[in-house]
Amino acid sequence: KESPGFAGADGFYFLTSELRHYGVGPFWGEAAAKASGAASNQDPLPAILDFNAQLKKTGAQLIFMPVPGKVAVYPDKADASLTAGARQDSAHQEFYALLRTEGIEVVDLAPDFLELRKNGIETHCRQDTHRTPAAMKLAAKKAAALINAQPWATNVPKQAVDRTSKSIEITGDIVSLLGVTAPPE
């Protein structure tokens, strides 16, 4: 039986399914059946196109903002033969181009996440499948900029929001899934 994950370099843990997803190539159209582990609804493209069409009927716009997986930003931590800082997601880039030809606005966060990493800012928790607060903040700012640029946004009343920041230590979901002991992050 295949392990659900593994330890990479420098305390990084990865899900096997994420590596498979990035390594399988195209995951839509005729390739979906081979690429997907799902029993049904294997191809994401029809659902995205249908949702976009439904939104257009209401006057709303779909903004597709996929979050890069950990292996897309830290490939060298999963396999030392892979290059840090280089895009490892050619199938995803091809999919985004296809969506754009269908009139869907796509926000590719991978270059931004790679830039954060280049500047010494981690984008993903080392033991976990989740993004760091810095990566979430970057994505939120990009989404806010897109929303605020919409013509209707000027008519929406603004509300003040209280924010707080708190540091916590966790044991990541991947190390918990694997049943290994790792220092809290």
N, C-alpha and C. Protein backbone atom coordinates (compact mmCIF):
# COMPACT_ATOMS: atom_id res chain seq x y z
N LYS A 1 0.84 -1.18 0.00
CA LYS A 1 0.00 0.00 0.00
C LYS A 1 0.89 1.25 0.00
N GLU A 2 0.50 2.23 -0.80
CA GLU A 2 1.25 3.47 -0.92
C GLU A 2 1.07 4.33 0.34
N SER A 3 2.15 4.91 0.81
CA SER A 3 2.08 5.78 1.97
C SER A 3 1.36 7.07 1.59
N PRO A 4 0.57 7.63 2.51
CA PRO A 4 -0.14 8.88 2.20
C PRO A 4 0.78 10.11 2.12
N GLY A 5 2.00 9.97 2.61
CA GLY A 5 2.92 11.10 2.59
C GLY A 5 4.32 10.66 2.93
N PHE A 6 5.22 11.63 2.94
CA PHE A 6 6.61 11.31 3.26
C PHE A 6 7.34 12.56 3.73
N ALA A 7 8.45 12.33 4.40
CA ALA A 7 9.30 13.42 4.87
C ALA A 7 10.26 13.81 3.76
N GLY A 8 10.34 15.09 3.49
CA GLY A 8 11.32 15.61 2.53
C GLY A 8 12.49 16.19 3.29
N ALA A 9 13.18 17.10 2.66
CA ALA A 9 14.34 17.75 3.28
C ALA A 9 13.92 18.88 4.20
N ASP A 10 14.76 19.17 5.17
CA ASP A 10 14.62 20.34 6.05
C ASP A 10 13.30 20.41 6.80
N GLY A 11 12.75 19.26 7.18
CA GLY A 11 11.52 19.23 7.95
C GLY A 11 10.25 19.40 7.14
N PHE A 12 10.34 19.39 5.82
CA PHE A 12 9.14 19.49 4.98
C PHE A 12 8.54 18.10 4.79
N TYR A 13 7.22 18.02 4.91
CA TYR A 13 6.47 16.81 4.67
C TYR A 13 5.52 17.05 3.49
N PHE A 14 5.30 16.02 2.69
CA PHE A 14 4.49 16.14 1.49
C PHE A 14 3.46 15.03 1.43
N LEU A 15 2.32 15.33 0.85
CA LEU A 15 1.31 14.32 0.57
C LEU A 15 1.66 13.64 -0.75
N THR A 16 1.59 12.33 -0.77
CA THR A 16 1.84 11.57 -1.99
C THR A 16 0.85 11.96 -3.08
N SER A 17 -0.39 12.18 -2.71
CA SER A 17 -1.42 12.54 -3.70
C SER A 17 -1.11 13.88 -4.37
N GLU A 18 -0.53 14.82 -3.64
CA GLU A 18 -0.17 16.11 -4.24
C GLU A 18 0.96 15.92 -5.26
N LEU A 19 1.95 15.12 -4.93
CA LEU A 19 3.02 14.86 -5.88
C LEU A 19 2.49 14.17 -7.12
N ARG A 20 1.59 13.22 -6.92
CA ARG A 20 0.99 12.54 -8.06
C ARG A 20 0.24 13.54 -8.93
N HIS A 21 -0.53 14.42 -8.30
CA HIS A 21 -1.31 15.41 -9.06
C HIS A 21 -0.40 16.29 -9.92
N TYR A 22 0.68 16.76 -9.36
CA TYR A 22 1.59 17.62 -10.12
C TYR A 22 2.39 16.83 -11.16
N GLY A 23 2.59 15.57 -10.93
CA GLY A 23 3.41 14.79 -11.83
C GLY A 23 2.67 14.08 -12.95
N VAL A 24 1.34 14.01 -12.87
CA VAL A 24 0.58 13.20 -13.83
C VAL A 24 0.39 13.89 -15.17
N GLY A 25 0.59 15.19 -15.24
CA GLY A 25 0.39 15.90 -16.50
C GLY A 25 -1.01 16.45 -16.60
N PRO A 26 -1.54 16.60 -17.82
CA PRO A 26 -2.89 17.15 -17.97
C PRO A 26 -3.91 16.36 -17.15
N PHE A 27 -4.84 17.08 -16.54
CA PHE A 27 -5.82 16.46 -15.64
C PHE A 27 -7.25 16.79 -16.06
N TRP A 28 -7.44 17.23 -17.28
CA TRP A 28 -8.76 17.59 -17.80
C TRP A 28 -8.94 16.93 -19.17
N GLY A 29 -10.16 17.04 -19.68
CA GLY A 29 -10.44 16.47 -20.99
C GLY A 29 -10.26 14.96 -20.99
N GLU A 30 -9.74 14.44 -22.10
CA GLU A 30 -9.56 12.99 -22.23
C GLU A 30 -8.57 12.42 -21.21
N ALA A 31 -7.66 13.24 -20.72
CA ALA A 31 -6.67 12.77 -19.75
C ALA A 31 -7.23 12.66 -18.34
N ALA A 32 -8.41 13.22 -18.08
CA ALA A 32 -8.97 13.26 -16.73
C ALA A 32 -9.14 11.88 -16.12
N ALA A 33 -9.63 10.92 -16.90
CA ALA A 33 -9.86 9.57 -16.35
C ALA A 33 -8.58 8.94 -15.85
N LYS A 34 -7.47 9.18 -16.56
CA LYS A 34 -6.18 8.63 -16.14
C LYS A 34 -5.61 9.40 -14.95
N ALA A 35 -5.84 10.71 -14.93
CA ALA A 35 -5.22 11.57 -13.93
C ALA A 35 -5.95 11.56 -12.59
N SER A 36 -7.26 11.39 -12.63
CA SER A 36 -8.06 11.54 -11.42
C SER A 36 -8.14 10.24 -10.63
N GLY A 37 -8.18 10.38 -9.33
CA GLY A 37 -8.41 9.24 -8.46
C GLY A 37 -9.88 9.07 -8.13
N ALA A 38 -10.71 10.02 -8.61
CA ALA A 38 -12.15 9.99 -8.31
C ALA A 38 -12.87 8.98 -9.18
N ALA A 39 -13.95 8.44 -8.66
CA ALA A 39 -14.75 7.47 -9.42
C ALA A 39 -15.63 8.15 -10.45
N SER A 40 -16.03 9.39 -10.17
CA SER A 40 -16.88 10.15 -11.10
C SER A 40 -16.46 11.61 -11.08
N ASN A 41 -17.01 12.38 -11.99
CA ASN A 41 -16.69 13.81 -12.07
C ASN A 41 -15.18 14.05 -12.07
N GLN A 42 -14.50 13.33 -12.92
CA GLN A 42 -13.04 13.37 -12.93
C GLN A 42 -12.48 14.62 -13.59
N ASP A 43 -13.20 15.19 -14.51
CA ASP A 43 -12.73 16.33 -15.29
C ASP A 43 -13.23 17.63 -14.66
N PRO A 44 -12.33 18.50 -14.19
CA PRO A 44 -12.78 19.76 -13.57
C PRO A 44 -13.27 20.80 -14.58
N LEU A 45 -12.87 20.68 -15.83
CA LEU A 45 -13.17 21.72 -16.81
C LEU A 45 -14.66 21.94 -17.02
N PRO A 46 -15.48 20.91 -17.25
CA PRO A 46 -16.90 21.17 -17.46
C PRO A 46 -17.57 21.89 -16.29
N ALA A 47 -17.21 21.53 -15.08
CA ALA A 47 -17.82 22.18 -13.90
C ALA A 47 -17.42 23.65 -13.82
N ILE A 48 -16.17 23.95 -14.11
CA ILE A 48 -15.71 25.34 -14.06
C ILE A 48 -16.39 26.16 -15.15
N LEU A 49 -16.47 25.61 -16.36
CA LEU A 49 -17.12 26.32 -17.46
C LEU A 49 -18.60 26.52 -17.19
N ASP A 50 -19.26 25.50 -16.63
CA ASP A 50 -20.68 25.63 -16.30
C ASP A 50 -20.89 26.69 -15.23
N PHE A 51 -20.07 26.68 -14.20
CA PHE A 51 -20.20 27.67 -13.13
C PHE A 51 -19.98 29.07 -13.68
N ASN A 52 -18.98 29.23 -14.55
CA ASN A 52 -18.72 30.52 -15.17
C ASN A 52 -19.95 30.99 -15.97
N ALA A 53 -20.56 30.09 -16.73
CA ALA A 53 -21.75 30.43 -17.52
C ALA A 53 -22.91 30.85 -16.60
N GLN A 54 -23.08 30.13 -15.49
CA GLN A 54 -24.14 30.48 -14.54
C GLN A 54 -23.89 31.87 -13.95
N LEU A 55 -22.65 32.16 -13.59
CA LEU A 55 -22.33 33.47 -13.04
C LEU A 55 -22.57 34.58 -14.05
N LYS A 56 -22.17 34.35 -15.29
CA LYS A 56 -22.37 35.36 -16.33
C LYS A 56 -23.84 35.72 -16.49
N LYS A 57 -24.72 34.73 -16.37
CA LYS A 57 -26.16 34.99 -16.48
C LYS A 57 -26.66 35.94 -15.40
N THR A 58 -25.98 35.96 -14.27
CA THR A 58 -26.38 36.85 -13.17
C THR A 58 -25.61 38.17 -13.20
N GLY A 59 -24.66 38.29 -14.13
CA GLY A 59 -23.85 39.51 -14.20
C GLY A 59 -22.60 39.45 -13.34
N ALA A 60 -22.34 38.30 -12.74
CA ALA A 60 -21.15 38.14 -11.90
C ALA A 60 -20.00 37.58 -12.73
N GLN A 61 -18.81 37.79 -12.25
CA GLN A 61 -17.61 37.31 -12.93
C GLN A 61 -16.89 36.29 -12.07
N LEU A 62 -16.48 35.20 -12.69
CA LEU A 62 -15.67 34.19 -12.00
C LEU A 62 -14.22 34.64 -12.03
N ILE A 63 -13.60 34.65 -10.86
CA ILE A 63 -12.15 34.86 -10.75
C ILE A 63 -11.60 33.55 -10.18
N PHE A 64 -10.83 32.87 -10.98
CA PHE A 64 -10.28 31.56 -10.62
C PHE A 64 -8.88 31.79 -10.05
N MET A 65 -8.72 31.51 -8.75
CA MET A 65 -7.45 31.75 -8.07
C MET A 65 -7.00 30.48 -7.36
N PRO A 66 -6.41 29.54 -8.11
CA PRO A 66 -5.94 28.31 -7.47
C PRO A 66 -4.70 28.57 -6.60
N VAL A 67 -4.64 27.87 -5.51
CA VAL A 67 -3.51 28.02 -4.59
C VAL A 67 -2.47 26.95 -4.92
N PRO A 68 -1.25 27.36 -5.20
CA PRO A 68 -0.21 26.37 -5.54
C PRO A 68 0.04 25.40 -4.39
N GLY A 69 0.24 24.15 -4.73
CA GLY A 69 0.59 23.15 -3.74
C GLY A 69 2.02 23.35 -3.25
N LYS A 70 2.31 22.74 -2.14
CA LYS A 70 3.64 22.88 -1.53
C LYS A 70 4.75 22.43 -2.47
N VAL A 71 4.51 21.33 -3.19
CA VAL A 71 5.54 20.81 -4.08
C VAL A 71 5.81 21.77 -5.26
N ALA A 72 4.84 22.60 -5.61
CA ALA A 72 5.04 23.57 -6.69
C ALA A 72 5.99 24.69 -6.27
N VAL A 73 6.07 24.94 -4.98
CA VAL A 73 6.93 26.00 -4.45
C VAL A 73 8.23 25.43 -3.88
N TYR A 74 8.16 24.24 -3.35
CA TYR A 74 9.32 23.60 -2.70
C TYR A 74 9.66 22.25 -3.35
N PRO A 75 9.82 22.18 -4.65
CA PRO A 75 10.08 20.88 -5.28
C PRO A 75 11.38 20.25 -4.80
N ASP A 76 12.37 21.09 -4.55
CA ASP A 76 13.68 20.60 -4.10
C ASP A 76 13.64 19.99 -2.71
N LYS A 77 12.62 20.35 -1.92
CA LYS A 77 12.48 19.76 -0.59
C LYS A 77 11.86 18.36 -0.67
N ALA A 78 11.16 18.09 -1.78
CA ALA A 78 10.60 16.75 -1.99
C ALA A 78 11.60 15.85 -2.70
N ASP A 79 12.39 16.44 -3.61
CA ASP A 79 13.36 15.68 -4.39
C ASP A 79 14.53 16.61 -4.71
N ALA A 80 15.69 16.29 -4.19
CA ALA A 80 16.86 17.15 -4.35
C ALA A 80 17.28 17.35 -5.81
N SER A 81 16.81 16.50 -6.71
CA SER A 81 17.18 16.65 -8.11
C SER A 81 16.35 17.74 -8.81
N LEU A 82 15.30 18.22 -8.15
CA LEU A 82 14.46 19.26 -8.74
C LEU A 82 15.01 20.63 -8.36
N THR A 83 14.76 21.61 -9.20
CA THR A 83 15.34 22.94 -9.05
C THR A 83 14.44 23.85 -8.23
N ALA A 84 15.02 24.45 -7.20
CA ALA A 84 14.31 25.45 -6.41
C ALA A 84 14.08 26.68 -7.26
N GLY A 85 12.88 27.26 -7.13
CA GLY A 85 12.58 28.50 -7.84
C GLY A 85 12.07 28.32 -9.25
N ALA A 86 12.15 27.12 -9.80
CA ALA A 86 11.69 26.87 -11.16
C ALA A 86 10.25 26.34 -11.13
N ARG A 87 9.44 26.75 -12.09
CA ARG A 87 8.06 26.27 -12.17
C ARG A 87 8.09 24.77 -12.48
N GLN A 88 7.30 24.02 -11.73
CA GLN A 88 7.19 22.58 -11.90
C GLN A 88 5.75 22.19 -12.26
N ASP A 89 4.98 23.16 -12.72
CA ASP A 89 3.55 22.94 -12.91
C ASP A 89 3.09 23.28 -14.33
N SER A 90 3.76 22.72 -15.32
CA SER A 90 3.44 23.05 -16.71
C SER A 90 2.00 22.68 -17.07
N ALA A 91 1.49 21.58 -16.54
CA ALA A 91 0.10 21.20 -16.84
C ALA A 91 -0.87 22.24 -16.28
N HIS A 92 -0.57 22.75 -15.10
CA HIS A 92 -1.43 23.77 -14.50
C HIS A 92 -1.40 25.05 -15.34
N GLN A 93 -0.22 25.44 -15.79
CA GLN A 93 -0.12 26.63 -16.62
C GLN A 93 -0.92 26.45 -17.92
N GLU A 94 -0.87 25.26 -18.49
CA GLU A 94 -1.65 24.96 -19.70
C GLU A 94 -3.15 25.05 -19.41
N PHE A 95 -3.56 24.54 -18.27
CA PHE A 95 -4.97 24.59 -17.87
C PHE A 95 -5.42 26.04 -17.68
N TYR A 96 -4.60 26.84 -17.04
CA TYR A 96 -4.95 28.26 -16.82
C TYR A 96 -5.09 28.98 -18.17
N ALA A 97 -4.21 28.68 -19.12
CA ALA A 97 -4.30 29.29 -20.45
C ALA A 97 -5.61 28.89 -21.13
N LEU A 98 -6.01 27.64 -20.98
CA LEU A 98 -7.27 27.18 -21.54
C LEU A 98 -8.44 27.94 -20.92
N LEU A 99 -8.43 28.08 -19.61
CA LEU A 99 -9.51 28.83 -18.94
C LEU A 99 -9.56 30.27 -19.43
N ARG A 100 -8.40 30.87 -19.62
CA ARG A 100 -8.37 32.26 -20.11
C ARG A 100 -8.99 32.36 -21.51
N THR A 101 -8.73 31.36 -22.36
CA THR A 101 -9.33 31.39 -23.70
C THR A 101 -10.85 31.27 -23.62
N GLU A 102 -11.35 30.74 -22.52
CA GLU A 102 -12.80 30.62 -22.30
C GLU A 102 -13.36 31.86 -21.60
N GLY A 103 -12.52 32.89 -21.44
CA GLY A 103 -12.98 34.14 -20.85
C GLY A 103 -12.98 34.17 -19.33
N ILE A 104 -12.31 33.25 -18.71
CA ILE A 104 -12.25 33.21 -17.25
C ILE A 104 -10.98 33.92 -16.79
N GLU A 105 -11.14 34.82 -15.83
CA GLU A 105 -9.97 35.48 -15.26
C GLU A 105 -9.27 34.51 -14.32
N VAL A 106 -8.00 34.29 -14.57
CA VAL A 106 -7.20 33.37 -13.76
C VAL A 106 -6.10 34.16 -13.08
N VAL A 107 -5.99 33.98 -11.78
CA VAL A 107 -4.91 34.59 -11.00
C VAL A 107 -3.98 33.46 -10.60
N ASP A 108 -2.82 33.44 -11.21
CA ASP A 108 -1.82 32.41 -10.94
C ASP A 108 -0.92 32.90 -9.82
N LEU A 109 -1.08 32.32 -8.65
CA LEU A 109 -0.30 32.73 -7.48
C LEU A 109 1.11 32.13 -7.43
N ALA A 110 1.39 31.16 -8.29
CA ALA A 110 2.69 30.48 -8.22
C ALA A 110 3.86 31.45 -8.32
N PRO A 111 3.88 32.39 -9.27
CA PRO A 111 5.02 33.32 -9.32
C PRO A 111 5.17 34.14 -8.03
N ASP A 112 4.05 34.54 -7.44
CA ASP A 112 4.10 35.30 -6.20
C ASP A 112 4.63 34.45 -5.04
N PHE A 113 4.18 33.20 -4.98
CA PHE A 113 4.66 32.31 -3.92
C PHE A 113 6.15 32.02 -4.10
N LEU A 114 6.57 31.83 -5.34
CA LEU A 114 8.00 31.59 -5.58
C LEU A 114 8.83 32.82 -5.20
N GLU A 115 8.28 34.00 -5.43
CA GLU A 115 8.98 35.24 -5.04
C GLU A 115 9.07 35.35 -3.52
N LEU A 116 7.99 35.00 -2.81
CA LEU A 116 8.05 35.00 -1.35
C LEU A 116 9.16 34.07 -0.88
N ARG A 117 9.19 32.87 -1.43
CA ARG A 117 10.22 31.91 -1.04
C ARG A 117 11.61 32.47 -1.31
N LYS A 118 11.79 33.06 -2.49
CA LYS A 118 13.08 33.64 -2.85
C LYS A 118 13.51 34.70 -1.83
N ASN A 119 12.54 35.39 -1.25
CA ASN A 119 12.82 36.43 -0.25
C ASN A 119 12.87 35.88 1.16
N GLY A 120 12.91 34.55 1.31
CA GLY A 120 13.05 33.93 2.62
C GLY A 120 11.76 33.83 3.42
N ILE A 121 10.61 34.00 2.76
CA ILE A 121 9.32 33.92 3.44
C ILE A 121 8.65 32.61 3.05
N GLU A 122 8.39 31.78 4.05
CA GLU A 122 7.76 30.48 3.76
C GLU A 122 6.31 30.66 3.37
N THR A 123 5.86 29.86 2.40
CA THR A 123 4.49 29.93 1.91
C THR A 123 3.62 28.79 2.42
N HIS A 124 4.24 27.71 2.85
CA HIS A 124 3.51 26.53 3.31
C HIS A 124 4.09 26.08 4.65
N CYS A 125 3.22 25.60 5.51
CA CYS A 125 3.69 25.01 6.76
C CYS A 125 4.49 23.76 6.41
N ARG A 126 5.57 23.55 7.10
CA ARG A 126 6.46 22.44 6.75
C ARG A 126 5.83 21.07 6.99
N GLN A 127 5.03 20.94 8.06
CA GLN A 127 4.46 19.64 8.42
C GLN A 127 3.01 19.49 8.00
N ASP A 128 2.51 20.43 7.25
CA ASP A 128 1.08 20.57 7.07
C ASP A 128 0.75 20.82 5.61
N THR A 129 -0.51 20.63 5.24
CA THR A 129 -0.96 20.91 3.89
C THR A 129 -1.34 22.37 3.69
N HIS A 130 -1.37 23.15 4.75
CA HIS A 130 -1.88 24.52 4.69
C HIS A 130 -0.80 25.56 4.41
N ARG A 131 -1.27 26.71 3.95
CA ARG A 131 -0.38 27.84 3.69
C ARG A 131 -0.08 28.60 4.97
N THR A 132 0.99 29.37 4.92
CA THR A 132 1.37 30.21 6.05
C THR A 132 0.54 31.49 6.01
N PRO A 133 0.50 32.21 7.13
CA PRO A 133 -0.20 33.50 7.13
C PRO A 133 0.32 34.47 6.05
N ALA A 134 1.61 34.46 5.78
CA ALA A 134 2.17 35.36 4.76
C ALA A 134 1.59 35.03 3.38
N ALA A 135 1.46 33.76 3.06
CA ALA A 135 0.90 33.36 1.77
C ALA A 135 -0.58 33.69 1.70
N MET A 136 -1.30 33.46 2.79
CA MET A 136 -2.73 33.79 2.82
C MET A 136 -2.94 35.30 2.67
N LYS A 137 -2.10 36.07 3.32
CA LYS A 137 -2.21 37.53 3.23
C LYS A 137 -1.96 38.00 1.79
N LEU A 138 -0.96 37.44 1.14
CA LEU A 138 -0.68 37.79 -0.25
C LEU A 138 -1.88 37.47 -1.14
N ALA A 139 -2.45 36.28 -1.00
CA ALA A 139 -3.61 35.89 -1.81
C ALA A 139 -4.80 36.80 -1.53
N ALA A 140 -5.03 37.13 -0.27
CA ALA A 140 -6.14 38.02 0.08
C ALA A 140 -5.95 39.41 -0.53
N LYS A 141 -4.73 39.92 -0.50
CA LYS A 141 -4.47 41.23 -1.09
C LYS A 141 -4.70 41.23 -2.60
N LYS A 142 -4.29 40.14 -3.26
CA LYS A 142 -4.52 40.04 -4.71
C LYS A 142 -6.02 39.98 -5.00
N ALA A 143 -6.75 39.20 -4.22
CA ALA A 143 -8.20 39.11 -4.42
C ALA A 143 -8.86 40.46 -4.16
N ALA A 144 -8.45 41.14 -3.10
CA ALA A 144 -9.02 42.45 -2.77
C ALA A 144 -8.76 43.46 -3.89
N ALA A 145 -7.56 43.44 -4.44
CA ALA A 145 -7.23 44.37 -5.52
C ALA A 145 -8.11 44.12 -6.74
N LEU A 146 -8.35 42.86 -7.07
CA LEU A 146 -9.22 42.53 -8.20
C LEU A 146 -10.66 42.97 -7.94
N ILE A 147 -11.13 42.71 -6.75
CA ILE A 147 -12.50 43.09 -6.40
C ILE A 147 -12.65 44.60 -6.39
N ASN A 148 -11.70 45.29 -5.77
CA ASN A 148 -11.78 46.75 -5.69
C ASN A 148 -11.66 47.42 -7.05
N ALA A 149 -11.11 46.72 -8.03
CA ALA A 149 -10.99 47.27 -9.39
C ALA A 149 -12.28 47.13 -10.20
N GLN A 150 -13.24 46.37 -9.67
CA GLN A 150 -14.50 46.18 -10.38
C GLN A 150 -15.33 47.47 -10.33
N PRO A 151 -16.02 47.81 -11.42
CA PRO A 151 -16.80 49.05 -11.44
C PRO A 151 -17.84 49.15 -10.32
N TRP A 152 -18.42 48.03 -9.94
CA TRP A 152 -19.45 48.04 -8.92
C TRP A 152 -18.89 48.22 -7.51
N ALA A 153 -17.60 48.00 -7.34
CA ALA A 153 -17.01 48.01 -6.00
C ALA A 153 -17.07 49.38 -5.34
N THR A 154 -17.05 50.44 -6.14
CA THR A 154 -17.09 51.79 -5.55
C THR A 154 -18.42 52.07 -4.87
N ASN A 155 -19.47 51.34 -5.26
CA ASN A 155 -20.80 51.56 -4.68
C ASN A 155 -21.07 50.72 -3.44
N VAL A 156 -20.14 49.85 -3.09
CA VAL A 156 -20.32 48.99 -1.93
C VAL A 156 -19.81 49.71 -0.69
N PRO A 157 -20.66 49.87 0.33
CA PRO A 157 -20.20 50.56 1.54
C PRO A 157 -19.05 49.78 2.20
N LYS A 158 -18.07 50.50 2.64
CA LYS A 158 -16.92 49.88 3.31
C LYS A 158 -17.21 49.74 4.80
N GLN A 159 -16.68 48.68 5.38
CA GLN A 159 -16.86 48.43 6.80
C GLN A 159 -15.50 48.28 7.46
N ALA A 160 -15.39 48.80 8.64
CA ALA A 160 -14.16 48.65 9.41
C ALA A 160 -14.10 47.22 9.96
N VAL A 161 -12.91 46.67 9.99
CA VAL A 161 -12.71 45.32 10.47
C VAL A 161 -11.63 45.35 11.53
N ASP A 162 -11.89 44.70 12.65
CA ASP A 162 -10.87 44.57 13.69
C ASP A 162 -10.04 43.34 13.38
N ARG A 163 -8.72 43.49 13.49
CA ARG A 163 -7.82 42.36 13.24
C ARG A 163 -6.93 42.15 14.45
N THR A 164 -6.60 40.91 14.68
CA THR A 164 -5.62 40.58 15.69
C THR A 164 -4.67 39.55 15.10
N SER A 165 -3.51 39.48 15.65
CA SER A 165 -2.52 38.51 15.20
C SER A 165 -2.09 37.69 16.41
N LYS A 166 -1.96 36.40 16.20
CA LYS A 166 -1.57 35.52 17.29
C LYS A 166 -0.72 34.40 16.72
N SER A 167 0.39 34.12 17.32
CA SER A 167 1.24 33.00 16.92
C SER A 167 0.83 31.75 17.69
N ILE A 168 0.76 30.64 16.98
CA ILE A 168 0.44 29.37 17.63
C ILE A 168 1.41 28.31 17.13
N GLU A 169 1.62 27.30 17.93
CA GLU A 169 2.41 26.15 17.51
C GLU A 169 1.45 25.00 17.27
N ILE A 170 1.68 24.29 16.17
CA ILE A 170 0.81 23.18 15.83
C ILE A 170 1.65 21.96 15.46
N THR A 171 1.03 20.82 15.50
CA THR A 171 1.58 19.63 14.87
C THR A 171 0.82 19.49 13.57
N GLY A 172 1.53 19.47 12.47
CA GLY A 172 0.90 19.49 11.15
C GLY A 172 0.06 18.27 10.84
N ASP A 173 -0.89 18.48 9.92
CA ASP A 173 -1.80 17.39 9.57
C ASP A 173 -1.10 16.25 8.84
N ILE A 174 -0.03 16.53 8.11
CA ILE A 174 0.66 15.44 7.41
C ILE A 174 1.41 14.56 8.41
N VAL A 175 2.12 15.17 9.36
CA VAL A 175 2.82 14.34 10.33
C VAL A 175 1.84 13.56 11.20
N SER A 176 0.68 14.17 11.49
CA SER A 176 -0.35 13.43 12.25
C SER A 176 -0.86 12.26 11.43
N LEU A 177 -1.11 12.49 10.13
CA LEU A 177 -1.57 11.43 9.24
C LEU A 177 -0.57 10.27 9.18
N LEU A 178 0.72 10.62 9.18
CA LEU A 178 1.77 9.61 9.09
C LEU A 178 2.08 8.98 10.43
N GLY A 179 1.61 9.61 11.52
CA GLY A 179 1.86 9.07 12.85
C GLY A 179 3.30 9.22 13.28
N VAL A 180 3.98 10.25 12.79
CA VAL A 180 5.37 10.48 13.19
C VAL A 180 5.43 11.61 14.19
N THR A 181 6.50 11.64 14.93
CA THR A 181 6.72 12.71 15.90
C THR A 181 7.68 13.72 15.29
N ALA A 182 7.24 14.94 15.24
CA ALA A 182 8.07 16.02 14.72
C ALA A 182 7.92 17.20 15.66
N PRO A 183 8.93 18.03 15.73
CA PRO A 183 8.81 19.19 16.62
C PRO A 183 7.67 20.10 16.15
N PRO A 184 6.96 20.74 17.09
CA PRO A 184 5.90 21.67 16.67
C PRO A 184 6.46 22.79 15.81
N GLU A 185 5.63 23.28 14.88
CA GLU A 185 6.07 24.43 14.09
C GLU A 185 5.24 25.64 14.41
